[in-house]
Amino acid sequence: MSQHAINATTERWIVTDPRPGQRRLRLFLLPHAGGGANTYRLWPAMMPPDMDVRPVQLPGRERRFSEPAIARMDTLLDALVPALRPLLDRPFALFGHSMGSCIAHALALRLGDLGLPQPFLLIASGREAPHLPRRKPSLHTLAEPEFLEGLKRLNGTPPEVLQNRELLDLVLPMLRADFTLVGEYRPAAPPPLACPIVVLGGETDAETTPEGLAAWSACTTGPSRVATLPGGHFFTDTARAQVVARVTEALHQYGRDG
């Protein structure tokens, strides 16, 4: 693949930090199901100047709305890793919320399998450890009425979308693909990562339990810790400043030697 093609691929998948200047550390941000890079639009201005903040833009949403969403983790990684490779030139960390936590975990494993640079930190937010048995059926297995009720319960899809049939028909394929992607991600006893894992959870998030969050410790040979923040499943929005502060603290702690 030519350098031009690599750059074009990278630009399609990875959003550039709008702030000028060179930075010491890089942070890739993976979205929740149904979310896109715009989820993290406020983060760069909230982060310290030594952090290069890079939201990942998945197909099927926002500026990539015309592209089909990807419903299989291996397929997603096959496309995402080449886009990331030019940006693995400095110490980097991975942050994911909900579905994004699973993508971040799978991505770190894939980078290791390929002998590529490893993250110095994984931050998993709003998701129980991926190897745990599921406590309830995944949304992607449900018929449409129950699927829509599940979306309402999560409170992450705008009500105006759920109440408008035309809008709903436009986004349902992407939502189904996302929940299939995360619902079928079951790492088969992978070797643990070596990087530290910081886990964030919402105090009133019905999608996680303290035990499920703590179980991320089995995914690494490095240190692991859990921090609980006020809010439900989307505490990353309602407690954004606290989340960014926790993320910044962890990046500076574990990236100090980068």
Protein backbone atom coordinates (compact mmCIF):
# COMPACT_ATOMS: atom_id res chain seq x y z
CA MET A 1 0.00 0.00 0.00
CA SER A 2 1.37 3.43 -0.94
CA GLN A 3 2.04 6.14 1.59
CA HIS A 4 -0.68 8.21 -0.08
CA ALA A 5 -3.20 5.39 0.40
CA ILE A 6 -2.15 4.94 4.02
CA ASN A 7 -2.66 8.65 4.65
CA ALA A 8 -6.06 8.61 2.96
CA THR A 9 -7.13 5.61 5.02
CA THR A 10 -5.89 7.20 8.23
CA GLU A 11 -7.71 10.45 7.52
CA ARG A 12 -10.96 8.56 6.94
CA TRP A 13 -10.75 6.61 10.20
CA ILE A 14 -8.94 8.92 12.62
CA VAL A 15 -9.99 12.49 13.45
CA THR A 16 -7.14 14.97 13.84
CA ASP A 17 -6.69 16.90 17.07
CA PRO A 18 -7.58 20.48 16.02
CA ARG A 19 -5.05 22.11 18.34
CA PRO A 20 -1.72 23.15 16.82
CA GLY A 21 1.64 21.83 17.98
CA GLN A 22 3.48 18.55 18.60
CA ARG A 23 2.50 16.33 21.51
CA ARG A 24 4.28 13.72 23.59
CA LEU A 25 1.42 11.24 24.09
CA ARG A 26 -1.46 10.09 21.88
CA LEU A 27 -4.93 8.99 22.97
CA PHE A 28 -7.27 7.05 20.67
CA LEU A 29 -10.96 7.28 21.58
CA LEU A 30 -13.39 4.48 20.62
CA PRO A 31 -17.14 5.21 20.67
CA HIS A 32 -20.13 3.47 22.22
CA ALA A 33 -22.67 1.58 20.09
CA GLY A 34 -24.44 4.05 17.84
CA GLY A 35 -21.84 6.71 18.55
CA GLY A 36 -19.22 8.35 16.40
CA ALA A 37 -16.18 10.56 16.67
CA ASN A 38 -18.44 13.51 17.46
CA THR A 39 -19.06 11.91 20.86
CA TYR A 40 -15.61 13.19 21.83
CA ARG A 41 -15.76 16.59 20.11
CA LEU A 42 -15.29 18.46 23.42
CA TRP A 43 -12.38 16.38 24.67
CA PRO A 44 -9.38 18.02 22.93
CA ALA A 45 -10.06 21.42 24.49
CA MET A 46 -10.34 19.75 27.91
CA MET A 47 -7.08 17.80 27.65
CA PRO A 48 -3.56 19.00 28.52
CA PRO A 49 -1.35 20.32 25.71
CA ASP A 50 0.93 17.25 25.74
CA MET A 51 -1.96 14.92 24.73
CA ASP A 52 -2.77 14.29 21.06
CA VAL A 53 -6.48 13.39 21.17
CA ARG A 54 -7.64 11.18 18.27
CA PRO A 55 -11.29 10.02 18.10
CA VAL A 56 -11.89 7.03 15.85
CA GLN A 57 -14.63 7.44 13.23
CA LEU A 58 -16.32 4.13 12.48
CA PRO A 59 -18.22 3.60 9.21
CA GLY A 60 -22.00 3.93 9.12
CA ARG A 61 -22.28 7.23 11.01
CA GLU A 62 -21.55 10.94 10.81
CA ARG A 63 -19.16 11.74 7.94
CA ARG A 64 -19.07 8.02 7.02
CA PHE A 65 -22.85 7.56 7.07
CA SER A 66 -22.95 6.28 3.49
CA GLU A 67 -20.62 3.37 4.31
CA PRO A 68 -22.02 0.13 5.75
CA ALA A 69 -21.42 -0.40 9.44
CA ILE A 70 -19.23 -3.36 10.43
CA ALA A 71 -20.78 -6.13 12.53
CA ARG A 72 -17.73 -8.37 13.06
CA MET A 73 -14.78 -7.49 15.28
CA ASP A 74 -12.18 -9.22 13.08
CA THR A 75 -13.44 -7.33 10.02
CA LEU A 76 -13.33 -4.05 11.91
CA LEU A 77 -9.77 -4.66 13.09
CA ASP A 78 -8.65 -5.68 9.60
CA ALA A 79 -9.60 -2.17 8.44
CA LEU A 80 -8.76 -0.16 11.56
CA VAL A 81 -5.22 -1.40 12.21
CA PRO A 82 -3.81 -0.18 8.86
CA ALA A 83 -5.40 3.21 9.51
CA LEU A 84 -3.74 3.42 12.93
CA ARG A 85 -0.26 2.23 11.92
CA PRO A 86 1.09 5.65 10.82
CA LEU A 87 0.03 7.07 14.19
CA LEU A 88 1.78 4.49 16.37
CA ASP A 89 4.97 6.54 16.28
CA ARG A 90 4.77 7.76 19.88
CA PRO A 91 3.48 6.40 23.21
CA PHE A 92 -0.27 5.91 22.93
CA ALA A 93 -3.24 4.85 25.04
CA LEU A 94 -6.67 3.48 24.17
CA PHE A 95 -9.96 4.68 25.69
CA GLY A 96 -13.30 3.12 24.90
CA HIS A 97 -16.77 3.53 26.33
CA SER A 98 -19.19 0.57 26.35
CA MET A 99 -18.76 -1.01 22.89
CA GLY A 100 -15.60 1.06 22.58
CA SER A 101 -14.10 -0.80 25.55
CA CYS A 102 -14.45 -4.09 23.69
CA ILE A 103 -12.97 -2.59 20.53
CA ALA A 104 -10.05 -1.15 22.52
CA HIS A 105 -9.38 -4.54 24.13
CA ALA A 106 -9.58 -6.41 20.82
CA LEU A 107 -7.39 -3.79 19.16
CA ALA A 108 -4.69 -4.09 21.81
CA LEU A 109 -4.67 -7.87 21.37
CA ARG A 110 -4.48 -7.56 17.57
CA LEU A 111 -1.57 -5.11 17.77
CA GLY A 112 0.26 -7.60 19.96
CA ASP A 113 -0.45 -10.47 17.57
CA LEU A 114 1.02 -8.42 14.71
CA GLY A 115 4.12 -7.37 16.66
CA LEU A 116 3.13 -3.70 16.42
CA PRO A 117 3.62 -1.09 19.18
CA GLN A 118 1.50 -1.69 22.25
CA PRO A 119 -0.56 0.84 24.22
CA PHE A 120 0.99 1.98 27.47
CA LEU A 121 -2.54 2.10 28.95
CA LEU A 122 -6.04 0.79 28.27
CA ILE A 123 -8.99 2.66 29.78
CA ALA A 124 -12.23 0.66 29.72
CA SER A 125 -15.38 2.63 30.49
CA GLY A 126 -18.95 1.49 31.07
CA ARG A 127 -18.38 -2.16 30.20
CA GLU A 128 -17.80 -5.33 32.17
CA ALA A 129 -14.79 -7.47 31.34
CA PRO A 130 -15.37 -9.09 27.93
CA HIS A 131 -14.63 -12.66 29.02
CA LEU A 132 -17.44 -12.77 31.58
CA PRO A 133 -20.66 -14.71 30.93
CA ARG A 134 -23.48 -12.39 29.91
CA ARG A 135 -26.02 -11.57 32.60
CA LYS A 136 -28.80 -10.86 30.09
CA PRO A 137 -29.43 -11.30 26.35
CA SER A 138 -27.53 -8.98 24.03
CA LEU A 139 -29.74 -6.43 22.30
CA HIS A 140 -28.82 -7.68 18.83
CA THR A 141 -30.64 -10.96 19.51
CA LEU A 142 -33.97 -9.22 20.23
CA ALA A 143 -36.89 -8.53 17.92
CA GLU A 144 -37.36 -4.88 16.94
CA PRO A 145 -39.85 -3.87 19.70
CA GLU A 146 -37.59 -5.28 22.43
CA PHE A 147 -34.49 -3.90 20.69
CA LEU A 148 -36.00 -0.40 20.72
CA GLU A 149 -36.97 -0.75 24.38
CA GLY A 150 -33.39 -1.67 25.13
CA LEU A 151 -32.16 1.44 23.34
CA LYS A 152 -34.56 3.57 25.39
CA ARG A 153 -33.31 1.97 28.59
CA LEU A 154 -29.69 2.78 27.74
CA ASN A 155 -30.71 6.40 27.08
CA GLY A 156 -28.05 6.90 24.44
CA THR A 157 -30.22 7.30 21.33
CA PRO A 158 -31.92 10.70 20.93
CA PRO A 159 -35.70 10.45 21.58
CA GLU A 160 -36.39 12.29 18.33
CA VAL A 161 -34.73 9.41 16.46
CA LEU A 162 -36.66 6.72 18.32
CA GLN A 163 -39.94 8.57 17.70
CA ASN A 164 -39.41 9.21 13.99
CA ARG A 165 -39.86 6.16 11.77
CA GLU A 166 -37.93 7.61 8.84
CA LEU A 167 -34.92 8.51 11.00
CA LEU A 168 -35.13 5.18 12.76
CA ASP A 169 -35.04 3.27 9.48
CA LEU A 170 -31.86 5.16 8.55
CA VAL A 171 -29.96 4.32 11.75
CA LEU A 172 -31.31 0.87 12.66
CA PRO A 173 -28.88 -1.04 10.40
CA MET A 174 -25.93 0.74 12.03
CA LEU A 175 -27.30 0.17 15.54
CA ARG A 176 -27.94 -3.51 14.83
CA ALA A 177 -24.42 -3.88 13.46
CA ASP A 178 -22.88 -2.20 16.51
CA PHE A 179 -24.77 -4.34 19.00
CA THR A 180 -23.92 -7.44 16.99
CA LEU A 181 -20.25 -6.44 17.03
CA VAL A 182 -20.13 -6.06 20.79
CA GLY A 183 -22.65 -8.80 21.57
CA GLU A 184 -20.61 -11.43 19.76
CA TYR A 185 -17.20 -10.31 20.97
CA ARG A 186 -16.08 -13.18 23.15
CA PRO A 187 -12.29 -13.42 23.42
CA ALA A 188 -11.40 -17.10 23.63
CA ALA A 189 -8.98 -17.17 26.57
CA PRO A 190 -6.56 -14.67 25.01
CA PRO A 191 -3.19 -14.07 26.61
CA PRO A 192 -3.48 -11.11 28.96
CA LEU A 193 -2.19 -7.71 27.99
CA ALA A 194 0.89 -6.28 29.68
CA CYS A 195 -0.32 -2.68 29.94
CA PRO A 196 -2.16 -1.25 32.94
CA ILE A 197 -5.96 -1.14 32.72
CA VAL A 198 -8.00 1.63 34.32
CA VAL A 199 -11.73 0.90 34.50
CA LEU A 200 -14.43 3.58 34.83
CA GLY A 201 -18.00 2.83 35.86
CA GLY A 202 -21.19 4.77 36.55
CA GLU A 203 -22.63 4.61 40.06
CA THR A 204 -26.15 3.93 38.76
CA ASP A 205 -25.26 2.10 35.53
CA ALA A 206 -27.55 -0.93 35.36
CA GLU A 207 -25.39 -2.42 32.59
CA THR A 208 -22.44 -3.10 34.90
CA THR A 209 -21.71 -4.49 38.35
CA PRO A 210 -18.74 -3.80 40.64
CA GLU A 211 -17.64 -7.41 40.18
CA GLY A 212 -17.90 -7.17 36.41
CA LEU A 213 -15.80 -4.02 36.30
CA ALA A 214 -13.20 -5.47 38.67
CA ALA A 215 -12.89 -8.56 36.44
CA TRP A 216 -10.91 -6.49 33.90
CA SER A 217 -7.92 -7.25 36.17
CA ALA A 218 -7.80 -10.71 34.58
CA CYS A 219 -7.15 -9.09 31.18
CA THR A 220 -3.66 -7.85 32.06
CA THR A 221 -0.51 -8.84 33.86
CA GLY A 222 -0.06 -5.17 34.75
CA PRO A 223 -1.83 -3.12 37.40
CA SER A 224 -5.57 -2.60 37.25
CA ARG A 225 -7.93 -0.33 39.15
CA VAL A 226 -11.59 0.71 39.07
CA ALA A 227 -12.98 4.20 39.59
CA THR A 228 -16.70 4.89 39.99
CA LEU A 229 -18.22 8.17 38.86
CA PRO A 230 -21.70 9.64 39.31
CA GLY A 231 -24.26 8.82 36.65
CA GLY A 232 -25.83 6.01 34.64
CA HIS A 233 -24.55 4.26 31.54
CA PHE A 234 -23.67 7.51 29.79
CA PHE A 235 -21.81 9.06 32.72
CA THR A 236 -19.16 9.95 30.13
CA ASP A 237 -21.57 12.69 29.01
CA THR A 238 -23.20 13.69 32.30
CA ALA A 239 -19.91 13.65 34.25
CA ARG A 240 -17.63 14.50 31.32
CA ALA A 241 -15.29 16.81 33.26
CA GLN A 242 -14.70 14.16 35.92
CA VAL A 243 -14.13 11.48 33.30
CA VAL A 244 -11.60 13.62 31.43
CA ALA A 245 -9.85 14.42 34.72
CA ARG A 246 -9.56 10.69 35.54
CA VAL A 247 -8.31 9.91 32.05
CA THR A 248 -5.75 12.73 32.20
CA GLU A 249 -4.52 11.56 35.60
CA ALA A 250 -4.03 8.00 34.33
CA LEU A 251 -2.31 9.14 31.13
CA HIS A 252 0.19 11.22 33.06
CA GLN A 253 0.76 8.46 35.62
CA TYR A 254 1.43 5.65 33.17
CA GLY A 255 2.79 7.71 30.29
CA ARG A 256 5.37 9.61 32.33
CA ASP A 257 8.23 7.59 30.83
CA GLY A 258 6.99 7.96 27.27
